[in-house]
Amino acid sequence: MHRQNNGDGSRRILACALALMGASLAPAVSAQQGAPAPGSIDTEYNACRGTNPNCYNDWGAFANTPNKVLIFSRTAGPRHANLGPALAAGLNPPLVAANAVQQGLVRMLAAEGIQADWTEDVTRMTSLNGYKAIIFASPTRDALWDHAKSAAGGTQLDAARHALRQYMRRGGGFVGIHNAFGTEYTWPYYEGLLGNANFYDHGANQNGTVRIVNKNDSSTSMLPSSFAFKDEWYTLMPFPTNVKFLAVVDTNSLATKRSTHPGHGKFHPVSWCQYYDGGRSWVTTLGHDAGAFAQDTSTFPGAAEFQKHVVAGVKSAMGLVPFCK
């Protein structure tokens, strides 16, 4: 895949060369306050990323920010049924019962004392610093595209992309749920935000078993070692790298598997976390069905565990509980 050069190309080449020689960057760079640990610069995305906390910009920028998040669910292509009808412009437009994801997230977070705003208005994505986390809840395709300008011959709304990038560099939190992997395909920075991962395809929506592979994290410590769940079980290309894997699907529990994609062998991740370009990123491919977000968790196997997992993941991205342990 061709990747855009989002920074000084010569510096990236130098970093690669130094890495191959086992050398670090010049002392003047490594001595900077908050500089990343050697080897944590990902030259693919020109960003510090991985599990090393040195990739987090601990500037205290959100110290006085209220416990508030923004849910972004705009779709510029196929729309998951659990999102319900498209939302009106503006911030916090009326929701109906079919807006299951938005309603569920607002309810779950409110129970933890976290206020949630919601929008599908891309112009609202240009001012993010009043939120401790931004949640991408199954947006699709070019969700940060200003379609009105596009119809008039305009281009990508760079302000939204720029705002998200600067928000992360300020120490912000990002949470990607389910089809957060089905948006902004052509923006390399976003692929890095997902952990050097992207959606390739998925199999049948079917029952399976989620297995926890890291019980030390805030988003998994309260969960059983495994639980039943139903999902589409996304396959990824590229495969996530330099992240902390939290949960996988037990591939032996799936009745059918993909035939047009080699799959992930016996290790098929569904949740992971990383530091990225100064911020925190917690993502999961789970969350296809409306039942997973329902208040009555008895109607959907694994809904209670999924909701605990997501809420704690949001809280960790916000910095309210330890992140990516």
Foldseek 3Di string as FASTA:
>chain_A
DDADDPDDPVVLVVLVVCVVVVHFDDPVQCVDVLRADGPQQDSRQRARKFADCSSAQPPCLCVPAPQEEEEEEAAPDDHFQQCPDAADADKQGDDDVSNLVVVLVQVLQVVVVHHYIYGLHLVVLLDGSNYQEYEYEQYAEASQADVVLVVVVHTGPVSNVVSVLVCLLSAHFYEYEANLLHYPPVHSNSCVLVQVKHFDDFADFAKFKKAFPDCPFQLRVPDDRIWIATGRQTAIPPDGDNWAATIATQVVRDPDDDDVDPGDPRGRTFWTWMRIRNYIYTYGNDDRDSLLSDPPVVVGTCSVSSSSNRSSQRCCRSVVDPHRD
